[in-house]
Amino acid sequence: MKIKNLFLSTTLVILLAGCAEVMQLSQQYLDTDAPLTQNEIIAGLKEALVTGTNNSANILGATDGYYKDELVKIVLPPEANIIVENAGRIPGGQKLLDDVLLHINRAAEDAVSEAKPIFIKSITNMTISDGIGILKGDNNAATEYLHKTTYDQLFQLYRPKIKASVEKDIAAGISTKESWDSLIGKWNKLSNNAIGQMAGFKPVDTQLEDYLTEKALNGLFLKIAEEEKQIRKDPVARVTGLLKKVFGSLDS
């Protein structure tokens, strides 16, 4: 009888101990006041980056996502101001200019929808060291991480689409690129002669497709930075428990 009671007592202790351990583990993951683990930091940041990049891509990838947002709308380089300012003097010139800008922005809107896998790969490869640095960094630390790890690939994705847009014939068999090259060629010829040099004119060496691609990517990362700032600063933007815990740790 004593042996039986001892066995029952021992079993009860083990069961209670097991329950206590389970409760402790459960509380650790449910209690938002528990200290953050490195795994939680990484998981939370990856979740935030996926959310932010998806939202940014969806916004810019929609029709007029670039074109009707003055903060990110892609325009011609400053060297082309002479064209922009005088387009209205040419019959149908303003419409031609508007078409050029529309096509360029449409190309960017088309490209951004293909950017998501590039972002996902970068996010997946994030290390613990990256994550801790981002969490403790500036309001755009995550955006800077993505810029560093994805920019070259995104450039290669965007540039061919922008290039195709500026090489498309707009009128009379003339493309935006041909008009641009003609303008720059004439300007450089002037700036390189004696009169131009005396006037202090400088040659222009802007590659149109590169310039426009850079502008398109600047707009994309601007939107991602806005999403990151929102998650860091606004509790309402933290749509999951993990985001609340990870970024809530910054509120204090």
C-alpha atoms as a PDB file:
ATOM      1  CA  MET A   1       0.000   0.000   0.000  1.00  0.00           C
ATOM      2  CA  LYS A   2       2.830   2.365   0.910  1.00  0.00           C
ATOM      3  CA  ILE A   3       4.521   1.527  -2.379  1.00  0.00           C
ATOM      4  CA  LYS A   4       1.289   2.260  -4.282  1.00  0.00           C
ATOM      5  CA  ASN A   5       0.810   5.599  -2.511  1.00  0.00           C
ATOM      6  CA  LEU A   6       4.423   6.504  -3.175  1.00  0.00           C
ATOM      7  CA  PHE A   7       3.979   5.709  -6.869  1.00  0.00           C
ATOM      8  CA  LEU A   8       0.816   7.813  -7.091  1.00  0.00           C
ATOM      9  CA  SER A   9       2.478  10.692  -5.290  1.00  0.00           C
ATOM     10  CA  THR A  10       5.518  10.555  -7.569  1.00  0.00           C
ATOM     11  CA  THR A  11       3.320  10.425 -10.690  1.00  0.00           C
ATOM     12  CA  LEU A  12       1.298  13.405  -9.500  1.00  0.00           C
ATOM     13  CA  VAL A  13       4.454  15.445  -8.893  1.00  0.00           C
ATOM     14  CA  ILE A  14       5.753  14.632 -12.391  1.00  0.00           C
ATOM     15  CA  LEU A  15       2.417  15.544 -13.997  1.00  0.00           C
ATOM     16  CA  LEU A  16       2.218  18.802 -12.078  1.00  0.00           C
ATOM     17  CA  ALA A  17       5.810  19.621 -12.981  1.00  0.00           C
ATOM     18  CA  GLY A  18       5.080  18.863 -16.657  1.00  0.00           C
ATOM     19  CA  CYS A  19       1.992  21.069 -16.618  1.00  0.00           C
ATOM     20  CA  ALA A  20       3.957  23.863 -14.999  1.00  0.00           C
ATOM     21  CA  GLU A  21       6.598  23.646 -17.713  1.00  0.00           C
ATOM     22  CA  VAL A  22       3.991  23.718 -20.458  1.00  0.00           C
ATOM     23  CA  MET A  23       2.262  26.680 -18.821  1.00  0.00           C
ATOM     24  CA  GLN A  24       5.598  28.464 -18.537  1.00  0.00           C
ATOM     25  CA  LEU A  25       6.376  27.924 -22.220  1.00  0.00           C
ATOM     26  CA  SER A  26       2.904  29.018 -23.239  1.00  0.00           C
ATOM     27  CA  GLN A  27       3.132  32.121 -21.089  1.00  0.00           C
ATOM     28  CA  GLN A  28       6.517  32.952 -22.635  1.00  0.00           C
ATOM     29  CA  TYR A  29       5.004  33.185 -26.109  1.00  0.00           C
ATOM     30  CA  LEU A  30       1.699  34.722 -25.085  1.00  0.00           C
ATOM     31  CA  ASP A  31       3.048  37.283 -22.631  1.00  0.00           C
ATOM     32  CA  THR A  32       3.919  40.424 -24.513  1.00  0.00           C
ATOM     33  CA  ASP A  33       5.888  41.589 -21.481  1.00  0.00           C
ATOM     34  CA  ALA A  34       8.342  38.684 -21.766  1.00  0.00           C
ATOM     35  CA  PRO A  35      11.794  39.678 -23.060  1.00  0.00           C
ATOM     36  CA  LEU A  36      12.202  39.525 -26.824  1.00  0.00           C
ATOM     37  CA  THR A  37      14.127  36.578 -28.152  1.00  0.00           C
ATOM     38  CA  GLN A  38      16.418  36.821 -31.157  1.00  0.00           C
ATOM     39  CA  ASN A  39      14.105  34.512 -33.101  1.00  0.00           C
ATOM     40  CA  GLU A  40      11.155  36.782 -32.369  1.00  0.00           C
ATOM     41  CA  ILE A  41      13.113  39.839 -33.513  1.00  0.00           C
ATOM     42  CA  ILE A  42      14.003  38.197 -36.824  1.00  0.00           C
ATOM     43  CA  ALA A  43      10.511  36.804 -37.375  1.00  0.00           C
ATOM     44  CA  GLY A  44       8.919  40.164 -36.547  1.00  0.00           C
ATOM     45  CA  LEU A  45      11.212  42.125 -38.823  1.00  0.00           C
ATOM     46  CA  LYS A  46      10.715  39.688 -41.690  1.00  0.00           C
ATOM     47  CA  GLU A  47       6.969  39.954 -41.222  1.00  0.00           C
ATOM     48  CA  ALA A  48       7.189  43.748 -41.203  1.00  0.00           C
ATOM     49  CA  LEU A  49       9.351  43.821 -44.336  1.00  0.00           C
ATOM     50  CA  VAL A  50       7.067  41.460 -46.227  1.00  0.00           C
ATOM     51  CA  THR A  51       4.087  43.601 -45.234  1.00  0.00           C
ATOM     52  CA  GLY A  52       5.833  46.851 -46.132  1.00  0.00           C
ATOM     53  CA  THR A  53       7.201  45.735 -49.490  1.00  0.00           C
ATOM     54  CA  ASN A  54       3.911  44.122 -50.505  1.00  0.00           C
ATOM     55  CA  ASN A  55       1.968  47.256 -49.623  1.00  0.00           C
ATOM     56  CA  SER A  56       4.435  49.470 -51.491  1.00  0.00           C
ATOM     57  CA  ALA A  57       4.440  47.254 -54.576  1.00  0.00           C
ATOM     58  CA  ASN A  58       0.648  47.073 -54.594  1.00  0.00           C
ATOM     59  CA  ILE A  59       0.326  50.850 -54.333  1.00  0.00           C
ATOM     60  CA  LEU A  60       2.857  51.647 -57.058  1.00  0.00           C
ATOM     61  CA  GLY A  61       1.893  48.691 -59.252  1.00  0.00           C
ATOM     62  CA  ALA A  62      -1.685  49.895 -59.601  1.00  0.00           C
ATOM     63  CA  THR A  63      -2.666  52.014 -62.603  1.00  0.00           C
ATOM     64  CA  ASP A  64      -1.390  55.560 -61.990  1.00  0.00           C
ATOM     65  CA  GLY A  65       0.535  54.338 -58.930  1.00  0.00           C
ATOM     66  CA  TYR A  66       3.533  56.307 -60.158  1.00  0.00           C
ATOM     67  CA  TYR A  67       1.904  58.616 -62.644  1.00  0.00           C
ATOM     68  CA  LYS A  68      -0.555  60.389 -60.336  1.00  0.00           C
ATOM     69  CA  ASP A  69       1.578  60.489 -57.211  1.00  0.00           C
ATOM     70  CA  GLU A  70       3.583  63.699 -57.365  1.00  0.00           C
ATOM     71  CA  LEU A  71       6.080  62.379 -54.797  1.00  0.00           C
ATOM     72  CA  VAL A  72       7.192  59.508 -57.040  1.00  0.00           C
ATOM     73  CA  LYS A  73       6.074  60.484 -60.548  1.00  0.00           C
ATOM     74  CA  ILE A  74       8.932  59.998 -62.993  1.00  0.00           C
ATOM     75  CA  VAL A  75       9.777  63.064 -65.067  1.00  0.00           C
ATOM     76  CA  LEU A  76      12.482  63.861 -67.580  1.00  0.00           C
ATOM     77  CA  PRO A  77      15.892  65.059 -66.373  1.00  0.00           C
ATOM     78  CA  PRO A  78      16.414  68.778 -65.720  1.00  0.00           C
ATOM     79  CA  GLU A  79      18.482  68.961 -68.906  1.00  0.00           C
ATOM     80  CA  ALA A  80      15.248  68.341 -70.818  1.00  0.00           C
ATOM     81  CA  ASN A  81      13.508  71.397 -69.340  1.00  0.00           C
ATOM     82  CA  ILE A  82      13.871  73.172 -72.662  1.00  0.00           C
ATOM     83  CA  ILE A  83      11.669  70.496 -74.219  1.00  0.00           C
ATOM     84  CA  VAL A  84       9.171  70.591 -71.381  1.00  0.00           C
ATOM     85  CA  GLU A  85       8.916  74.373 -71.351  1.00  0.00           C
ATOM     86  CA  ASN A  86       8.495  74.698 -75.110  1.00  0.00           C
ATOM     87  CA  ALA A  87       6.395  71.642 -75.870  1.00  0.00           C
ATOM     88  CA  GLY A  88       3.264  73.760 -76.141  1.00  0.00           C
ATOM     89  CA  ARG A  89       4.770  75.766 -79.007  1.00  0.00           C
ATOM     90  CA  ILE A  90       4.887  72.698 -81.225  1.00  0.00           C
ATOM     91  CA  PRO A  91       1.617  71.517 -82.805  1.00  0.00           C
ATOM     92  CA  GLY A  92       0.571  68.550 -80.683  1.00  0.00           C
ATOM     93  CA  GLY A  93       3.781  68.897 -78.673  1.00  0.00           C
ATOM     94  CA  GLN A  94       2.189  68.919 -75.254  1.00  0.00           C
ATOM     95  CA  LYS A  95       0.296  65.716 -75.976  1.00  0.00           C
ATOM     96  CA  LEU A  96       3.501  64.086 -77.204  1.00  0.00           C
ATOM     97  CA  LEU A  97       5.278  65.059 -73.992  1.00  0.00           C
ATOM     98  CA  ASP A  98       2.376  63.820 -71.887  1.00  0.00           C
ATOM     99  CA  ASP A  99       2.432  60.507 -73.749  1.00  0.00           C
ATOM    100  CA  VAL A 100       6.159  60.105 -73.133  1.00  0.00           C
ATOM    101  CA  LEU A 101       5.755  60.651 -69.394  1.00  0.00           C
ATOM    102  CA  LEU A 102       2.738  58.354 -69.236  1.00  0.00           C
ATOM    103  CA  HIS A 103       4.590  55.527 -71.007  1.00  0.00           C
ATOM    104  CA  ILE A 104       7.618  55.877 -68.729  1.00  0.00           C
ATOM    105  CA  ASN A 105       5.481  55.759 -65.599  1.00  0.00           C
ATOM    106  CA  ARG A 106       3.426  52.862 -66.924  1.00  0.00           C
ATOM    107  CA  ALA A 107       6.651  50.928 -67.466  1.00  0.00           C
ATOM    108  CA  ALA A 108       7.604  51.503 -63.828  1.00  0.00           C
ATOM    109  CA  GLU A 109       4.149  50.459 -62.647  1.00  0.00           C
ATOM    110  CA  ASP A 110       4.523  47.271 -64.659  1.00  0.00           C
ATOM    111  CA  ALA A 111       8.012  46.530 -63.317  1.00  0.00           C
ATOM    112  CA  VAL A 112       7.176  46.944 -59.631  1.00  0.00           C
ATOM    113  CA  SER A 113       4.795  43.999 -59.704  1.00  0.00           C
ATOM    114  CA  GLU A 114       7.790  41.775 -60.498  1.00  0.00           C
ATOM    115  CA  ALA A 115       9.899  43.151 -57.646  1.00  0.00           C
ATOM    116  CA  LYS A 116       8.274  41.113 -54.866  1.00  0.00           C
ATOM    117  CA  PRO A 117      10.365  37.914 -55.331  1.00  0.00           C
ATOM    118  CA  ILE A 118      13.561  39.987 -55.163  1.00  0.00           C
ATOM    119  CA  PHE A 119      12.467  41.475 -51.853  1.00  0.00           C
ATOM    120  CA  ILE A 120      11.390  38.088 -50.488  1.00  0.00           C
ATOM    121  CA  LYS A 121      14.805  36.595 -51.236  1.00  0.00           C
ATOM    122  CA  SER A 122      16.549  39.438 -49.417  1.00  0.00           C
ATOM    123  CA  ILE A 123      14.192  39.164 -46.448  1.00  0.00           C
ATOM    124  CA  THR A 124      14.680  35.389 -46.233  1.00  0.00           C
ATOM    125  CA  ASN A 125      18.458  35.826 -46.112  1.00  0.00           C
ATOM    126  CA  MET A 126      18.344  38.274 -43.199  1.00  0.00           C
ATOM    127  CA  THR A 127      20.678  37.281 -40.368  1.00  0.00           C
ATOM    128  CA  ILE A 128      20.255  37.766 -36.617  1.00  0.00           C
ATOM    129  CA  SER A 129      22.936  40.451 -36.748  1.00  0.00           C
ATOM    130  CA  ASP A 130      21.027  42.234 -39.536  1.00  0.00           C
ATOM    131  CA  GLY A 131      17.806  42.022 -37.550  1.00  0.00           C
ATOM    132  CA  ILE A 132      19.178  43.427 -34.309  1.00  0.00           C
ATOM    133  CA  GLY A 133      20.872  46.255 -36.193  1.00  0.00           C
ATOM    134  CA  ILE A 134      17.619  47.095 -37.978  1.00  0.00           C
ATOM    135  CA  LEU A 135      15.502  46.995 -34.828  1.00  0.00           C
ATOM    136  CA  LYS A 136      17.871  49.352 -32.995  1.00  0.00           C
ATOM    137  CA  GLY A 137      18.528  51.500 -36.046  1.00  0.00           C
ATOM    138  CA  ASP A 138      16.918  54.598 -37.527  1.00  0.00           C
ATOM    139  CA  ASN A 139      13.337  54.795 -38.744  1.00  0.00           C
ATOM    140  CA  ASN A 140      14.496  53.731 -42.217  1.00  0.00           C
ATOM    141  CA  ALA A 141      16.999  51.053 -41.158  1.00  0.00           C
ATOM    142  CA  ALA A 142      14.981  48.219 -42.705  1.00  0.00           C
ATOM    143  CA  THR A 143      14.557  50.204 -45.914  1.00  0.00           C
ATOM    144  CA  GLU A 144      18.302  50.807 -46.048  1.00  0.00           C
ATOM    145  CA  TYR A 145      18.898  47.063 -45.599  1.00  0.00           C
ATOM    146  CA  LEU A 146      16.610  46.310 -48.540  1.00  0.00           C
ATOM    147  CA  HIS A 147      18.222  49.048 -50.627  1.00  0.00           C
ATOM    148  CA  LYS A 148      21.669  47.559 -50.008  1.00  0.00           C
ATOM    149  CA  THR A 149      20.617  43.978 -50.757  1.00  0.00           C
ATOM    150  CA  THR A 150      18.197  44.439 -53.673  1.00  0.00           C
ATOM    151  CA  TYR A 151      19.038  47.637 -55.563  1.00  0.00           C
ATOM    152  CA  ASP A 152      21.248  46.097 -58.256  1.00  0.00           C
ATOM    153  CA  GLN A 153      18.732  43.350 -59.043  1.00  0.00           C
ATOM    154  CA  LEU A 154      15.858  45.812 -59.113  1.00  0.00           C
ATOM    155  CA  PHE A 155      17.827  48.077 -61.438  1.00  0.00           C
ATOM    156  CA  GLN A 156      18.263  45.188 -63.867  1.00  0.00           C
ATOM    157  CA  LEU A 157      14.533  44.477 -63.627  1.00  0.00           C
ATOM    158  CA  TYR A 158      13.369  48.059 -64.198  1.00  0.00           C
ATOM    159  CA  ARG A 159      15.840  49.298 -66.780  1.00  0.00           C
ATOM    160  CA  PRO A 160      14.757  47.140 -69.771  1.00  0.00           C
ATOM    161  CA  LYS A 161      11.138  48.186 -69.267  1.00  0.00           C
ATOM    162  CA  ILE A 162      12.032  51.864 -69.036  1.00  0.00           C
ATOM    163  CA  LYS A 163      14.317  51.475 -72.052  1.00  0.00           C
ATOM    164  CA  ALA A 164      11.531  49.925 -74.110  1.00  0.00           C
ATOM    165  CA  SER A 165       9.252  52.831 -73.230  1.00  0.00           C
ATOM    166  CA  VAL A 166      11.660  55.581 -74.243  1.00  0.00           C
ATOM    167  CA  GLU A 167      12.584  53.771 -77.465  1.00  0.00           C
ATOM    168  CA  LYS A 168       8.969  53.453 -78.578  1.00  0.00           C
ATOM    169  CA  ASP A 169       8.100  55.734 -81.500  1.00  0.00           C
ATOM    170  CA  ILE A 170       5.894  58.557 -80.311  1.00  0.00           C
ATOM    171  CA  ALA A 171       5.370  60.558 -83.506  1.00  0.00           C
ATOM    172  CA  ALA A 172       6.784  60.678 -87.017  1.00  0.00           C
ATOM    173  CA  GLY A 173       8.935  57.665 -86.234  1.00  0.00           C
ATOM    174  CA  ILE A 174      10.811  59.558 -83.500  1.00  0.00           C
ATOM    175  CA  SER A 175      11.223  58.088 -80.043  1.00  0.00           C
ATOM    176  CA  THR A 176      11.795  59.834 -76.731  1.00  0.00           C
ATOM    177  CA  LYS A 177      15.368  58.554 -76.686  1.00  0.00           C
ATOM    178  CA  GLU A 178      16.107  59.881 -80.163  1.00  0.00           C
ATOM    179  CA  SER A 179      14.723  63.282 -79.219  1.00  0.00           C
ATOM    180  CA  TRP A 180      16.765  63.218 -76.032  1.00  0.00           C
ATOM    181  CA  ASP A 181      19.973  62.226 -77.819  1.00  0.00           C
ATOM    182  CA  SER A 182      19.429  64.961 -80.382  1.00  0.00           C
ATOM    183  CA  LEU A 183      18.862  67.555 -77.687  1.00  0.00           C
ATOM    184  CA  ILE A 184      21.892  66.512 -75.668  1.00  0.00           C
ATOM    185  CA  GLY A 185      24.039  66.252 -78.789  1.00  0.00           C
ATOM    186  CA  LYS A 186      23.242  69.829 -79.801  1.00  0.00           C
ATOM    187  CA  TRP A 187      23.757  71.095 -76.266  1.00  0.00           C
ATOM    188  CA  ASN A 188      27.119  69.371 -75.888  1.00  0.00           C
ATOM    189  CA  LYS A 189      28.254  70.703 -79.242  1.00  0.00           C
ATOM    190  CA  LEU A 190      27.453  74.211 -78.052  1.00  0.00           C
ATOM    191  CA  SER A 191      29.001  73.771 -74.607  1.00  0.00           C
ATOM    192  CA  ASN A 192      32.219  72.436 -76.093  1.00  0.00           C
ATOM    193  CA  ASN A 193      32.848  75.273 -78.539  1.00  0.00           C
ATOM    194  CA  ALA A 194      34.565  78.524 -77.650  1.00  0.00           C
ATOM    195  CA  ILE A 195      31.352  80.499 -77.148  1.00  0.00           C
ATOM    196  CA  GLY A 196      29.872  77.843 -74.882  1.00  0.00           C
ATOM    197  CA  GLN A 197      33.017  77.602 -72.818  1.00  0.00           C
ATOM    198  CA  MET A 198      33.143  81.371 -72.402  1.00  0.00           C
ATOM    199  CA  ALA A 199      29.523  81.298 -71.231  1.00  0.00           C
ATOM    200  CA  GLY A 200      30.387  78.594 -68.699  1.00  0.00           C
ATOM    201  CA  PHE A 201      28.189  75.904 -70.259  1.00  0.00           C
ATOM    202  CA  LYS A 202      28.872  72.325 -69.128  1.00  0.00           C
ATOM    203  CA  PRO A 203      28.408  69.207 -71.262  1.00  0.00           C
ATOM    204  CA  VAL A 204      25.621  66.845 -70.192  1.00  0.00           C
ATOM    205  CA  ASP A 205      26.420  63.161 -69.777  1.00  0.00           C
ATOM    206  CA  THR A 206      23.081  61.858 -68.502  1.00  0.00           C
ATOM    207  CA  GLN A 207      22.091  58.404 -69.732  1.00  0.00           C
ATOM    208  CA  LEU A 208      18.319  58.694 -70.071  1.00  0.00           C
ATOM    209  CA  GLU A 209      17.383  55.099 -69.223  1.00  0.00           C
ATOM    210  CA  ASP A 210      19.690  55.023 -66.194  1.00  0.00           C
ATOM    211  CA  TYR A 211      18.353  58.326 -64.924  1.00  0.00           C
ATOM    212  CA  LEU A 212      14.717  57.279 -65.268  1.00  0.00           C
ATOM    213  CA  THR A 213      15.376  53.879 -63.710  1.00  0.00           C
ATOM    214  CA  GLU A 214      17.020  55.517 -60.709  1.00  0.00           C
ATOM    215  CA  LYS A 215      14.000  57.801 -60.325  1.00  0.00           C
ATOM    216  CA  ALA A 216      11.637  54.822 -60.450  1.00  0.00           C
ATOM    217  CA  LEU A 217      13.593  52.980 -57.761  1.00  0.00           C
ATOM    218  CA  ASN A 218      13.855  56.108 -55.611  1.00  0.00           C
ATOM    219  CA  GLY A 219      10.061  56.213 -55.645  1.00  0.00           C
ATOM    220  CA  LEU A 220       9.785  52.566 -54.675  1.00  0.00           C
ATOM    221  CA  PHE A 221      12.127  52.888 -51.704  1.00  0.00           C
ATOM    222  CA  LEU A 222      10.400  56.104 -50.645  1.00  0.00           C
ATOM    223  CA  LYS A 223       7.147  54.148 -50.332  1.00  0.00           C
ATOM    224  CA  ILE A 224       8.852  51.328 -48.437  1.00  0.00           C
ATOM    225  CA  ALA A 225      10.357  53.864 -46.026  1.00  0.00           C
ATOM    226  CA  GLU A 226       6.883  55.309 -45.423  1.00  0.00           C
ATOM    227  CA  GLU A 227       5.551  51.831 -44.637  1.00  0.00           C
ATOM    228  CA  GLU A 228       8.441  51.139 -42.250  1.00  0.00           C
ATOM    229  CA  LYS A 229       7.948  54.423 -40.417  1.00  0.00           C
ATOM    230  CA  GLN A 230       4.255  53.667 -40.073  1.00  0.00           C
ATOM    231  CA  ILE A 231       4.888  50.264 -38.473  1.00  0.00           C
ATOM    232  CA  ARG A 232       7.553  51.674 -36.158  1.00  0.00           C
ATOM    233  CA  LYS A 233       5.508  54.656 -34.987  1.00  0.00           C
ATOM    234  CA  ASP A 234       1.833  53.728 -35.261  1.00  0.00           C
ATOM    235  CA  PRO A 235       0.536  50.819 -33.109  1.00  0.00           C
ATOM    236  CA  VAL A 236      -2.503  50.521 -35.401  1.00  0.00           C
ATOM    237  CA  ALA A 237      -0.208  49.554 -38.292  1.00  0.00           C
ATOM    238  CA  ARG A 238       1.098  46.550 -36.322  1.00  0.00           C
ATOM    239  CA  VAL A 239      -1.523  44.144 -37.547  1.00  0.00           C
ATOM    240  CA  THR A 240      -0.279  40.961 -35.837  1.00  0.00           C
ATOM    241  CA  GLY A 241       0.663  40.014 -32.298  1.00  0.00           C
ATOM    242  CA  LEU A 242       4.273  39.484 -33.286  1.00  0.00           C
ATOM    243  CA  LEU A 243       4.542  42.948 -34.828  1.00  0.00           C
ATOM    244  CA  LYS A 244       2.961  44.438 -31.726  1.00  0.00           C
ATOM    245  CA  LYS A 245       5.510  42.720 -29.497  1.00  0.00           C
ATOM    246  CA  VAL A 246       8.616  43.414 -31.576  1.00  0.00           C
ATOM    247  CA  PHE A 247       7.894  47.030 -32.462  1.00  0.00           C
ATOM    248  CA  GLY A 248       6.091  47.714 -29.206  1.00  0.00           C
ATOM    249  CA  SER A 249       9.461  47.206 -27.556  1.00  0.00           C
ATOM    250  CA  LEU A 250      10.584  50.424 -29.268  1.00  0.00           C
ATOM    251  CA  ASP A 251       7.769  52.541 -27.831  1.00  0.00           C
ATOM    252  CA  SER A 252       9.412  52.821 -24.446  1.00  0.00           C
END
